[in-house]
């Protein structure tokens, strides 16, 4: 890959996502680096000067890592969003009475 490819990919991600990141912001990196989306995001963070925090390596501790880093931007993939949705739905389905009706 050339420098031009990397800059183009990072610029495209910036334009598509429409996020307004500044050097004061932080982002979390937890996707494998060979993942093309993570690769482009890392280049974008470096171009803007965003602080990058790397997770501990355990997906179950990702919430702890986010609490410590407080990222301004949380990029993800559909698989993780489906997991989060399932957990929330599971908790809502377990509610009874008025709370269950409202949920």
PDB file of N, CA and C in Angstrom:
ATOM      1  N   UNK A   1       0.839  -1.183   0.000  1.00  0.00           N
ATOM      2  CA  UNK A   1       0.000   0.000   0.000  1.00  0.00           C
ATOM      3  C   UNK A   1       0.877   1.238   0.000  1.00  0.00           C
ATOM      4  N   UNK A   2       0.446   2.221  -0.723  1.00  0.00           N
ATOM      5  CA  UNK A   2       1.202   3.462  -0.782  1.00  0.00           C
ATOM      6  C   UNK A   2       0.668   4.445   0.256  1.00  0.00           C
ATOM      7  N   UNK A   3       1.430   5.481   0.477  1.00  0.00           N
ATOM      8  CA  UNK A   3       1.007   6.532   1.400  1.00  0.00           C
ATOM      9  C   UNK A   3      -0.303   7.148   0.920  1.00  0.00           C
ATOM     10  N   UNK A   4      -0.411   7.307  -0.370  1.00  0.00           N
ATOM     11  CA  UNK A   4      -1.629   7.877  -0.947  1.00  0.00           C
ATOM     12  C   UNK A   4      -2.853   7.001  -0.646  1.00  0.00           C
ATOM     13  N   UNK A   5      -2.686   5.662  -0.716  1.00  0.00           N
ATOM     14  CA  UNK A   5      -3.776   4.744  -0.389  1.00  0.00           C
ATOM     15  C   UNK A   5      -4.216   4.916   1.059  1.00  0.00           C
ATOM     16  N   UNK A   6      -3.254   4.994   1.968  1.00  0.00           N
ATOM     17  CA  UNK A   6      -3.567   5.111   3.391  1.00  0.00           C
ATOM     18  C   UNK A   6      -4.292   6.412   3.702  1.00  0.00           C
ATOM     19  N   UNK A   7      -3.811   7.509   3.141  1.00  0.00           N
ATOM     20  CA  UNK A   7      -4.439   8.814   3.368  1.00  0.00           C
ATOM     21  C   UNK A   7      -5.832   8.841   2.760  1.00  0.00           C
ATOM     22  N   UNK A   8      -5.982   8.267   1.584  1.00  0.00           N
ATOM     23  CA  UNK A   8      -7.291   8.224   0.933  1.00  0.00           C
ATOM     24  C   UNK A   8      -8.294   7.411   1.753  1.00  0.00           C
ATOM     25  N   UNK A   9      -7.869   6.263   2.258  1.00  0.00           N
ATOM     26  CA  UNK A   9      -8.753   5.416   3.067  1.00  0.00           C
ATOM     27  C   UNK A   9      -9.173   6.138   4.345  1.00  0.00           C
ATOM     28  N   UNK A  10      -8.219   6.764   5.022  1.00  0.00           N
ATOM     29  CA  UNK A  10      -8.526   7.491   6.261  1.00  0.00           C
ATOM     30  C   UNK A  10      -9.467   8.666   5.981  1.00  0.00           C
ATOM     31  N   UNK A  11      -9.239   9.380   4.902  1.00  0.00           N
ATOM     32  CA  UNK A  11     -10.108  10.510   4.545  1.00  0.00           C
ATOM     33  C   UNK A  11     -11.511  10.035   4.219  1.00  0.00           C
ATOM     34  N   UNK A  12     -11.609   8.906   3.542  1.00  0.00           N
ATOM     35  CA  UNK A  12     -12.922   8.352   3.204  1.00  0.00           C
ATOM     36  C   UNK A  12     -13.693   7.978   4.459  1.00  0.00           C
ATOM     37  N   UNK A  13     -13.020   7.344   5.411  1.00  0.00           N
ATOM     38  CA  UNK A  13     -13.676   6.973   6.668  1.00  0.00           C
ATOM     39  C   UNK A  13     -14.153   8.228   7.387  1.00  0.00           C
ATOM     40  N   UNK A  14     -13.320   9.247   7.414  1.00  0.00           N
ATOM     41  CA  UNK A  14     -13.679  10.503   8.075  1.00  0.00           C
ATOM     42  C   UNK A  14     -14.927  11.109   7.435  1.00  0.00           C
ATOM     43  N   UNK A  15     -14.964  11.127   6.104  1.00  0.00           N
ATOM     44  CA  UNK A  15     -16.099  11.728   5.391  1.00  0.00           C
ATOM     45  C   UNK A  15     -17.360  10.887   5.517  1.00  0.00           C
ATOM     46  N   UNK A  16     -17.231   9.573   5.466  1.00  0.00           N
ATOM     47  CA  UNK A  16     -18.398   8.689   5.543  1.00  0.00           C
ATOM     48  C   UNK A  16     -19.009   8.710   6.939  1.00  0.00           C
ATOM     49  N   UNK A  17     -18.162   8.616   7.962  1.00  0.00           N
ATOM     50  CA  UNK A  17     -18.669   8.550   9.333  1.00  0.00           C
ATOM     51  C   UNK A  17     -19.187   9.893   9.821  1.00  0.00           C
ATOM     52  N   UNK A  18     -18.633  10.967   9.313  1.00  0.00           N
ATOM     53  CA  UNK A  18     -19.100  12.282   9.708  1.00  0.00           C
ATOM     54  C   UNK A  18     -18.808  12.619  11.161  1.00  0.00           C
ATOM     55  N   UNK A  19     -17.747  12.063  11.714  1.00  0.00           N
ATOM     56  CA  UNK A  19     -17.392  12.361  13.103  1.00  0.00           C
ATOM     57  C   UNK A  19     -16.469  13.569  13.136  1.00  0.00           C
ATOM     58  N   UNK A  20     -16.556  14.325  14.197  1.00  0.00           N
ATOM     59  CA  UNK A  20     -15.732  15.506  14.347  1.00  0.00           C
ATOM     60  C   UNK A  20     -14.747  15.269  15.485  1.00  0.00           C
ATOM     61  N   UNK A  21     -13.698  14.527  15.206  1.00  0.00           N
ATOM     62  CA  UNK A  21     -12.695  14.211  16.220  1.00  0.00           C
ATOM     63  C   UNK A  21     -11.636  15.296  16.269  1.00  0.00           C
ATOM     64  N   UNK A  22     -11.112  15.533  17.469  1.00  0.00           N
ATOM     65  CA  UNK A  22     -10.047  16.513  17.668  1.00  0.00           C
ATOM     66  C   UNK A  22      -8.904  15.839  18.426  1.00  0.00           C
ATOM     67  N   UNK A  23      -7.747  16.469  18.485  1.00  0.00           N
ATOM     68  CA  UNK A  23      -6.640  15.891  19.254  1.00  0.00           C
ATOM     69  C   UNK A  23      -6.940  15.727  20.742  1.00  0.00           C
ATOM     70  N   UNK A  24      -7.971  16.376  21.253  1.00  0.00           N
ATOM     71  CA  UNK A  24      -8.355  16.229  22.659  1.00  0.00           C
ATOM     72  C   UNK A  24      -9.139  14.948  22.912  1.00  0.00           C
ATOM     73  N   UNK A  25      -9.612  14.302  21.850  1.00  0.00           N
ATOM     74  CA  UNK A  25     -10.429  13.100  21.974  1.00  0.00           C
ATOM     75  C   UNK A  25      -9.579  11.840  22.105  1.00  0.00           C
ATOM     76  N   UNK A  26     -10.238  10.788  22.568  1.00  0.00           N
ATOM     77  CA  UNK A  26      -9.600   9.475  22.668  1.00  0.00           C
ATOM     78  C   UNK A  26     -10.463   8.466  21.922  1.00  0.00           C
ATOM     79  N   UNK A  27      -9.829   7.424  21.436  1.00  0.00           N
ATOM     80  CA  UNK A  27     -10.542   6.352  20.745  1.00  0.00           C
ATOM     81  C   UNK A  27      -9.985   5.022  21.239  1.00  0.00           C
ATOM     82  N   UNK A  28     -10.816   4.001  21.196  1.00  0.00           N
ATOM     83  CA  UNK A  28     -10.376   2.683  21.640  1.00  0.00           C
ATOM     84  C   UNK A  28     -10.140   1.806  20.416  1.00  0.00           C
ATOM     85  N   UNK A  29      -9.082   1.041  20.483  1.00  0.00           N
ATOM     86  CA  UNK A  29      -8.735   0.121  19.408  1.00  0.00           C
ATOM     87  C   UNK A  29      -8.846  -1.295  19.952  1.00  0.00           C
ATOM     88  N   UNK A  30      -9.805  -2.048  19.440  1.00  0.00           N
ATOM     89  CA  UNK A  30      -9.987  -3.416  19.917  1.00  0.00           C
ATOM     90  C   UNK A  30     -10.194  -4.407  18.784  1.00  0.00           C
ATOM     91  N   UNK A  31     -10.402  -3.912  17.583  1.00  0.00           N
ATOM     92  CA  UNK A  31     -10.514  -4.819  16.440  1.00  0.00           C
ATOM     93  C   UNK A  31      -9.112  -5.275  16.055  1.00  0.00           C
ATOM     94  N   UNK A  32      -8.975  -6.454  15.459  1.00  0.00           N
ATOM     95  CA  UNK A  32      -7.642  -6.886  15.022  1.00  0.00           C
ATOM     96  C   UNK A  32      -7.092  -5.904  13.991  1.00  0.00           C
ATOM     97  N   UNK A  33      -5.811  -5.569  14.100  1.00  0.00           N
ATOM     98  CA  UNK A  33      -5.238  -4.576  13.189  1.00  0.00           C
ATOM     99  C   UNK A  33      -5.342  -4.989  11.721  1.00  0.00           C
ATOM    100  N   UNK A  34      -5.236  -6.273  11.375  1.00  0.00           N
ATOM    101  CA  UNK A  34      -5.411  -6.635   9.960  1.00  0.00           C
ATOM    102  C   UNK A  34      -6.818  -6.353   9.423  1.00  0.00           C
ATOM    103  N   UNK A  35      -7.791  -6.134  10.304  1.00  0.00           N
ATOM    104  CA  UNK A  35      -9.141  -5.781   9.864  1.00  0.00           C
ATOM    105  C   UNK A  35      -9.044  -4.430   9.148  1.00  0.00           C
ATOM    106  N   UNK A  36      -9.509  -4.357   7.936  1.00  0.00           N
ATOM    107  CA  UNK A  36      -9.318  -3.156   7.118  1.00  0.00           C
ATOM    108  C   UNK A  36      -9.938  -1.914   7.749  1.00  0.00           C
ATOM    109  N   UNK A  37     -11.054  -2.088   8.445  1.00  0.00           N
ATOM    110  CA  UNK A  37     -11.688  -0.945   9.105  1.00  0.00           C
ATOM    111  C   UNK A  37     -10.790  -0.417  10.222  1.00  0.00           C
ATOM    112  N   UNK A  38     -10.218  -1.316  11.016  1.00  0.00           N
ATOM    113  CA  UNK A  38      -9.324  -0.893  12.103  1.00  0.00           C
ATOM    114  C   UNK A  38      -8.071  -0.226  11.544  1.00  0.00           C
ATOM    115  N   UNK A  39      -7.574  -0.758  10.454  1.00  0.00           N
ATOM    116  CA  UNK A  39      -6.390  -0.197   9.810  1.00  0.00           C
ATOM    117  C   UNK A  39      -6.665   1.243   9.371  1.00  0.00           C
ATOM    118  N   UNK A  40      -7.801   1.452   8.727  1.00  0.00           N
ATOM    119  CA  UNK A  40      -8.152   2.799   8.289  1.00  0.00           C
ATOM    120  C   UNK A  40      -8.402   3.742   9.450  1.00  0.00           C
ATOM    121  N   UNK A  41      -9.051   3.240  10.503  1.00  0.00           N
ATOM    122  CA  UNK A  41      -9.300   4.075  11.684  1.00  0.00           C
ATOM    123  C   UNK A  41      -7.998   4.493  12.362  1.00  0.00           C
ATOM    124  N   UNK A  42      -7.073   3.557  12.481  1.00  0.00           N
ATOM    125  CA  UNK A  42      -5.785   3.889  13.110  1.00  0.00           C
ATOM    126  C   UNK A  42      -5.077   4.984  12.319  1.00  0.00           C
ATOM    127  N   UNK A  43      -5.095   4.879  11.005  1.00  0.00           N
ATOM    128  CA  UNK A  43      -4.489   5.928  10.175  1.00  0.00           C
ATOM    129  C   UNK A  43      -5.195   7.256  10.372  1.00  0.00           C
ATOM    130  N   UNK A  44      -6.528   7.224  10.475  1.00  0.00           N
ATOM    131  CA  UNK A  44      -7.302   8.442  10.704  1.00  0.00           C
ATOM    132  C   UNK A  44      -6.936   9.063  12.051  1.00  0.00           C
ATOM    133  N   UNK A  45      -6.863   8.242  13.088  1.00  0.00           N
ATOM    134  CA  UNK A  45      -6.506   8.748  14.421  1.00  0.00           C
ATOM    135  C   UNK A  45      -5.136   9.413  14.401  1.00  0.00           C
ATOM    136  N   UNK A  46      -4.202   8.797  13.706  1.00  0.00           N
ATOM    137  CA  UNK A  46      -2.849   9.357  13.636  1.00  0.00           C
ATOM    138  C   UNK A  46      -2.854  10.678  12.874  1.00  0.00           C
ATOM    139  N   UNK A  47      -3.628  10.746  11.785  1.00  0.00           N
ATOM    140  CA  UNK A  47      -3.702  11.978  10.992  1.00  0.00           C
ATOM    141  C   UNK A  47      -4.273  13.139  11.814  1.00  0.00           C
ATOM    142  N   UNK A  48      -5.290  12.849  12.627  1.00  0.00           N
ATOM    143  CA  UNK A  48      -5.949  13.898  13.414  1.00  0.00           C
ATOM    144  C   UNK A  48      -5.195  14.178  14.706  1.00  0.00           C
ATOM    145  N   UNK A  49      -4.522  13.171  15.242  1.00  0.00           N
ATOM    146  CA  UNK A  49      -3.810  13.323  16.511  1.00  0.00           C
ATOM    147  C   UNK A  49      -4.623  12.831  17.691  1.00  0.00           C
ATOM    148  N   UNK A  50      -5.615  11.983  17.422  1.00  0.00           N
ATOM    149  CA  UNK A  50      -6.458  11.430  18.470  1.00  0.00           C
ATOM    150  C   UNK A  50      -5.646  10.451  19.322  1.00  0.00           C
ATOM    151  N   UNK A  51      -5.885  10.464  20.635  1.00  0.00           N
ATOM    152  CA  UNK A  51      -5.223   9.501  21.518  1.00  0.00           C
ATOM    153  C   UNK A  51      -5.835   8.127  21.288  1.00  0.00           C
ATOM    154  N   UNK A  52      -5.000   7.101  21.167  1.00  0.00           N
ATOM    155  CA  UNK A  52      -5.477   5.739  20.921  1.00  0.00           C
ATOM    156  C   UNK A  52      -5.210   4.893  22.149  1.00  0.00           C
ATOM    157  N   UNK A  53      -6.260   4.260  22.659  1.00  0.00           N
ATOM    158  CA  UNK A  53      -6.128   3.332  23.774  1.00  0.00           C
ATOM    159  C   UNK A  53      -6.401   1.930  23.272  1.00  0.00           C
ATOM    160  N   UNK A  54      -5.579   0.993  23.683  1.00  0.00           N
ATOM    161  CA  UNK A  54      -5.737  -0.395  23.250  1.00  0.00           C
ATOM    162  C   UNK A  54      -6.342  -1.211  24.378  1.00  0.00           C
ATOM    163  N   UNK A  55      -7.272  -2.085  24.018  1.00  0.00           N
ATOM    164  CA  UNK A  55      -7.949  -2.884  25.042  1.00  0.00           C
ATOM    165  C   UNK A  55      -7.012  -3.948  25.592  1.00  0.00           C
ATOM    166  N   UNK A  56      -7.376  -4.556  26.716  1.00  0.00           N
ATOM    167  CA  UNK A  56      -6.515  -5.502  27.424  1.00  0.00           C
ATOM    168  C   UNK A  56      -6.346  -6.831  26.703  1.00  0.00           C
ATOM    169  N   UNK A  57      -7.115  -7.056  25.665  1.00  0.00           N
ATOM    170  CA  UNK A  57      -7.026  -8.319  24.943  1.00  0.00           C
ATOM    171  C   UNK A  57      -8.149  -9.277  25.280  1.00  0.00           C
ATOM    172  N   UNK A  58      -8.952  -8.931  26.281  1.00  0.00           N
ATOM    173  CA  UNK A  58     -10.073  -9.774  26.685  1.00  0.00           C
ATOM    174  C   UNK A  58     -11.367  -9.044  26.337  1.00  0.00           C
ATOM    175  N   UNK A  59     -12.153  -9.576  25.381  1.00  0.00           N
ATOM    176  CA  UNK A  59     -13.391  -8.893  24.994  1.00  0.00           C
ATOM    177  C   UNK A  59     -14.368  -8.700  26.157  1.00  0.00           C
ATOM    178  N   UNK A  60     -14.288  -9.554  27.176  1.00  0.00           N
ATOM    179  CA  UNK A  60     -15.179  -9.413  28.327  1.00  0.00           C
ATOM    180  C   UNK A  60     -14.815  -8.205  29.184  1.00  0.00           C
ATOM    181  N   UNK A  61     -13.596  -7.701  29.042  1.00  0.00           N
ATOM    182  CA  UNK A  61     -13.156  -6.534  29.808  1.00  0.00           C
ATOM    183  C   UNK A  61     -13.236  -5.247  28.992  1.00  0.00           C
ATOM    184  N   UNK A  62     -13.887  -5.312  27.839  1.00  0.00           N
ATOM    185  CA  UNK A  62     -13.980  -4.140  26.972  1.00  0.00           C
ATOM    186  C   UNK A  62     -14.721  -2.990  27.644  1.00  0.00           C
ATOM    187  N   UNK A  63     -15.729  -3.303  28.441  1.00  0.00           N
ATOM    188  CA  UNK A  63     -16.452  -2.233  29.143  1.00  0.00           C
ATOM    189  C   UNK A  63     -15.558  -1.546  30.173  1.00  0.00           C
ATOM    190  N   UNK A  64     -14.708  -2.314  30.840  1.00  0.00           N
ATOM    191  CA  UNK A  64     -13.753  -1.720  31.788  1.00  0.00           C
ATOM    192  C   UNK A  64     -12.783  -0.794  31.059  1.00  0.00           C
ATOM    193  N   UNK A  65     -12.308  -1.255  29.915  1.00  0.00           N
ATOM    194  CA  UNK A  65     -11.373  -0.450  29.129  1.00  0.00           C
ATOM    195  C   UNK A  65     -12.023   0.853  28.668  1.00  0.00           C
ATOM    196  N   UNK A  66     -13.283   0.772  28.248  1.00  0.00           N
ATOM    197  CA  UNK A  66     -14.007   1.975  27.821  1.00  0.00           C
ATOM    198  C   UNK A  66     -14.230   2.929  28.993  1.00  0.00           C
ATOM    199  N   UNK A  67     -14.506   2.380  30.169  1.00  0.00           N
ATOM    200  CA  UNK A  67     -14.700   3.223  31.348  1.00  0.00           C
ATOM    201  C   UNK A  67     -13.417   3.970  31.693  1.00  0.00           C
ATOM    202  N   UNK A  68     -12.286   3.313  31.559  1.00  0.00           N
ATOM    203  CA  UNK A  68     -11.006   3.947  31.884  1.00  0.00           C
ATOM    204  C   UNK A  68     -10.607   4.975  30.820  1.00  0.00           C
ATOM    205  N   UNK A  69     -10.812   4.640  29.561  1.00  0.00           N
ATOM    206  CA  UNK A  69     -10.371   5.508  28.462  1.00  0.00           C
ATOM    207  C   UNK A  69     -11.374   6.607  28.141  1.00  0.00           C
ATOM    208  N   UNK A  70     -12.658   6.336  28.292  1.00  0.00           N
ATOM    209  CA  UNK A  70     -13.738   7.243  27.928  1.00  0.00           C
ATOM    210  C   UNK A  70     -13.591   7.741  26.487  1.00  0.00           C
ATOM    211  N   UNK A  71     -13.681   6.811  25.540  1.00  0.00           N
ATOM    212  CA  UNK A  71     -13.500   7.199  24.137  1.00  0.00           C
ATOM    213  C   UNK A  71     -14.630   8.092  23.637  1.00  0.00           C
ATOM    214  N   UNK A  72     -14.273   9.047  22.794  1.00  0.00           N
ATOM    215  CA  UNK A  72     -15.266   9.937  22.194  1.00  0.00           C
ATOM    216  C   UNK A  72     -15.939   9.249  21.016  1.00  0.00           C
ATOM    217  N   UNK A  73     -15.347   8.183  20.562  1.00  0.00           N
ATOM    218  CA  UNK A  73     -15.819   7.487  19.375  1.00  0.00           C
ATOM    219  C   UNK A  73     -15.624   5.997  19.598  1.00  0.00           C
ATOM    220  N   UNK A  74     -16.676   5.217  19.357  1.00  0.00           N
ATOM    221  CA  UNK A  74     -16.597   3.769  19.561  1.00  0.00           C
ATOM    222  C   UNK A  74     -16.973   3.059  18.258  1.00  0.00           C
ATOM    223  N   UNK A  75     -16.007   2.889  17.370  1.00  0.00           N
ATOM    224  CA  UNK A  75     -16.312   2.178  16.128  1.00  0.00           C
ATOM    225  C   UNK A  75     -16.481   0.692  16.418  1.00  0.00           C
ATOM    226  N   UNK A  76     -17.339   0.059  15.675  1.00  0.00           N
ATOM    227  CA  UNK A  76     -17.565  -1.352  15.926  1.00  0.00           C
ATOM    228  C   UNK A  76     -17.972  -2.062  14.648  1.00  0.00           C
ATOM    229  N   UNK A  77     -18.227  -3.330  14.804  1.00  0.00           N
ATOM    230  CA  UNK A  77     -18.669  -4.176  13.695  1.00  0.00           C
ATOM    231  C   UNK A  77     -20.032  -4.755  14.083  1.00  0.00           C
ATOM    232  N   UNK A  78     -20.840  -5.157  13.114  1.00  0.00           N
ATOM    233  CA  UNK A  78     -22.190  -5.645  13.420  1.00  0.00           C
ATOM    234  C   UNK A  78     -22.237  -6.781  14.442  1.00  0.00           C
ATOM    235  N   UNK A  79     -21.268  -7.649  14.435  1.00  0.00           N
ATOM    236  CA  UNK A  79     -21.286  -8.779  15.372  1.00  0.00           C
ATOM    237  C   UNK A  79     -21.335  -8.313  16.826  1.00  0.00           C
ATOM    238  N   UNK A  80     -20.556  -7.301  17.161  1.00  0.00           N
ATOM    239  CA  UNK A  80     -20.550  -6.795  18.534  1.00  0.00           C
ATOM    240  C   UNK A  80     -21.859  -6.079  18.855  1.00  0.00           C
ATOM    241  N   UNK A  81     -22.379  -5.309  17.911  1.00  0.00           N
ATOM    242  CA  UNK A  81     -23.646  -4.631  18.151  1.00  0.00           C
ATOM    243  C   UNK A  81     -24.768  -5.646  18.363  1.00  0.00           C
ATOM    244  N   UNK A  82     -24.743  -6.757  17.639  1.00  0.00           N
ATOM    245  CA  UNK A  82     -25.747  -7.808  17.835  1.00  0.00           C
ATOM    246  C   UNK A  82     -25.642  -8.406  19.229  1.00  0.00           C
ATOM    247  N   UNK A  83     -24.431  -8.585  19.723  1.00  0.00           N
ATOM    248  CA  UNK A  83     -24.233  -9.100  21.085  1.00  0.00           C
ATOM    249  C   UNK A  83     -24.779  -8.136  22.123  1.00  0.00           C
ATOM    250  N   UNK A  84     -24.477  -6.858  21.952  1.00  0.00           N
ATOM    251  CA  UNK A  84     -24.955  -5.841  22.890  1.00  0.00           C
ATOM    252  C   UNK A  84     -26.487  -5.804  22.877  1.00  0.00           C
ATOM    253  N   UNK A  85     -27.062  -5.833  21.687  1.00  0.00           N
ATOM    254  CA  UNK A  85     -28.512  -5.822  21.557  1.00  0.00           C
ATOM    255  C   UNK A  85     -29.127  -7.036  22.254  1.00  0.00           C
ATOM    256  N   UNK A  86     -28.534  -8.207  22.077  1.00  0.00           N
ATOM    257  CA  UNK A  86     -29.062  -9.431  22.696  1.00  0.00           C
ATOM    258  C   UNK A  86     -29.058  -9.327  24.218  1.00  0.00           C
ATOM    259  N   UNK A  87     -27.973  -8.790  24.776  1.00  0.00           N
ATOM    260  CA  UNK A  87     -27.882  -8.639  26.234  1.00  0.00           C
ATOM    261  C   UNK A  87     -28.953  -7.685  26.750  1.00  0.00           C
ATOM    262  N   UNK A  88     -29.130  -6.565  26.068  1.00  0.00           N
ATOM    263  CA  UNK A  88     -30.133  -5.584  26.501  1.00  0.00           C
ATOM    264  C   UNK A  88     -31.528  -6.179  26.381  1.00  0.00           C
ATOM    265  N   UNK A  89     -31.801  -6.836  25.266  1.00  0.00           N
ATOM    266  CA  UNK A  89     -33.120  -7.442  25.045  1.00  0.00           C
ATOM    267  C   UNK A  89     -33.410  -8.520  26.085  1.00  0.00           C
ATOM    268  N   UNK A  90     -32.396  -9.297  26.438  1.00  0.00           N
ATOM    269  CA  UNK A  90     -32.537 -10.345  27.452  1.00  0.00           C
ATOM    270  C   UNK A  90     -32.960  -9.744  28.788  1.00  0.00           C
ATOM    271  N   UNK A  91     -32.318  -8.636  29.165  1.00  0.00           N
ATOM    272  CA  UNK A  91     -32.650  -7.972  30.436  1.00  0.00           C
ATOM    273  C   UNK A  91     -34.055  -7.366  30.388  1.00  0.00           C
ATOM    274  N   UNK A  92     -34.422  -6.783  29.257  1.00  0.00           N
ATOM    275  CA  UNK A  92     -35.744  -6.178  29.135  1.00  0.00           C
ATOM    276  C   UNK A  92     -36.842  -7.241  29.138  1.00  0.00           C
ATOM    277  N   UNK A  93     -36.589  -8.378  28.509  1.00  0.00           N
ATOM    278  CA  UNK A  93     -37.588  -9.455  28.479  1.00  0.00           C
ATOM    279  C   UNK A  93     -37.811 -10.071  29.857  1.00  0.00           C
ATOM    280  N   UNK A  94     -36.818  -9.945  30.731  1.00  0.00           N
ATOM    281  CA  UNK A  94     -36.929 -10.518  32.073  1.00  0.00           C
ATOM    282  C   UNK A  94     -37.747  -9.627  33.014  1.00  0.00           C
ATOM    283  N   UNK A  95     -38.007  -8.387  32.606  1.00  0.00           N
ATOM    284  CA  UNK A  95     -38.782  -7.478  33.461  1.00  0.00           C
ATOM    285  C   UNK A  95     -40.244  -7.894  33.501  1.00  0.00           C
ATOM    286  N   UNK A  96     -40.857  -7.671  34.660  1.00  0.00           N
ATOM    287  CA  UNK A  96     -42.274  -8.009  34.819  1.00  0.00           C
ATOM    288  C   UNK A  96     -43.028  -6.785  35.307  1.00  0.00           C
ATOM    289  N   UNK A  97     -44.334  -6.901  35.322  1.00  0.00           N
ATOM    290  CA  UNK A  97     -45.185  -5.826  35.854  1.00  0.00           C
ATOM    291  C   UNK A  97     -45.126  -4.574  35.002  1.00  0.00           C
ATOM    292  N   UNK A  98     -45.158  -3.445  35.668  1.00  0.00           N
ATOM    293  CA  UNK A  98     -45.175  -2.158  34.998  1.00  0.00           C
ATOM    294  C   UNK A  98     -43.893  -1.907  34.201  1.00  0.00           C
ATOM    295  N   UNK A  99     -42.756  -2.312  34.786  1.00  0.00           N
ATOM    296  CA  UNK A  99     -41.479  -2.146  34.083  1.00  0.00           C
ATOM    297  C   UNK A  99     -41.468  -2.949  32.785  1.00  0.00           C
ATOM    298  N   UNK A 100     -41.985  -4.168  32.835  1.00  0.00           N
ATOM    299  CA  UNK A 100     -42.054  -5.003  31.644  1.00  0.00           C
ATOM    300  C   UNK A 100     -42.957  -4.420  30.595  1.00  0.00           C
ATOM    301  N   UNK A 101     -44.105  -3.843  31.023  1.00  0.00           N
ATOM    302  CA  UNK A 101     -45.039  -3.239  30.102  1.00  0.00           C
ATOM    303  C   UNK A 101     -44.405  -2.012  29.426  1.00  0.00           C
ATOM    304  N   UNK A 102     -43.686  -1.199  30.218  1.00  0.00           N
ATOM    305  CA  UNK A 102     -43.036  -0.006  29.659  1.00  0.00           C
ATOM    306  C   UNK A 102     -41.910  -0.392  28.699  1.00  0.00           C
ATOM    307  N   UNK A 103     -41.192  -1.444  29.043  1.00  0.00           N
ATOM    308  CA  UNK A 103     -40.078  -1.880  28.184  1.00  0.00           C
ATOM    309  C   UNK A 103     -40.612  -2.402  26.876  1.00  0.00           C
TER     310      UNK A 103
END
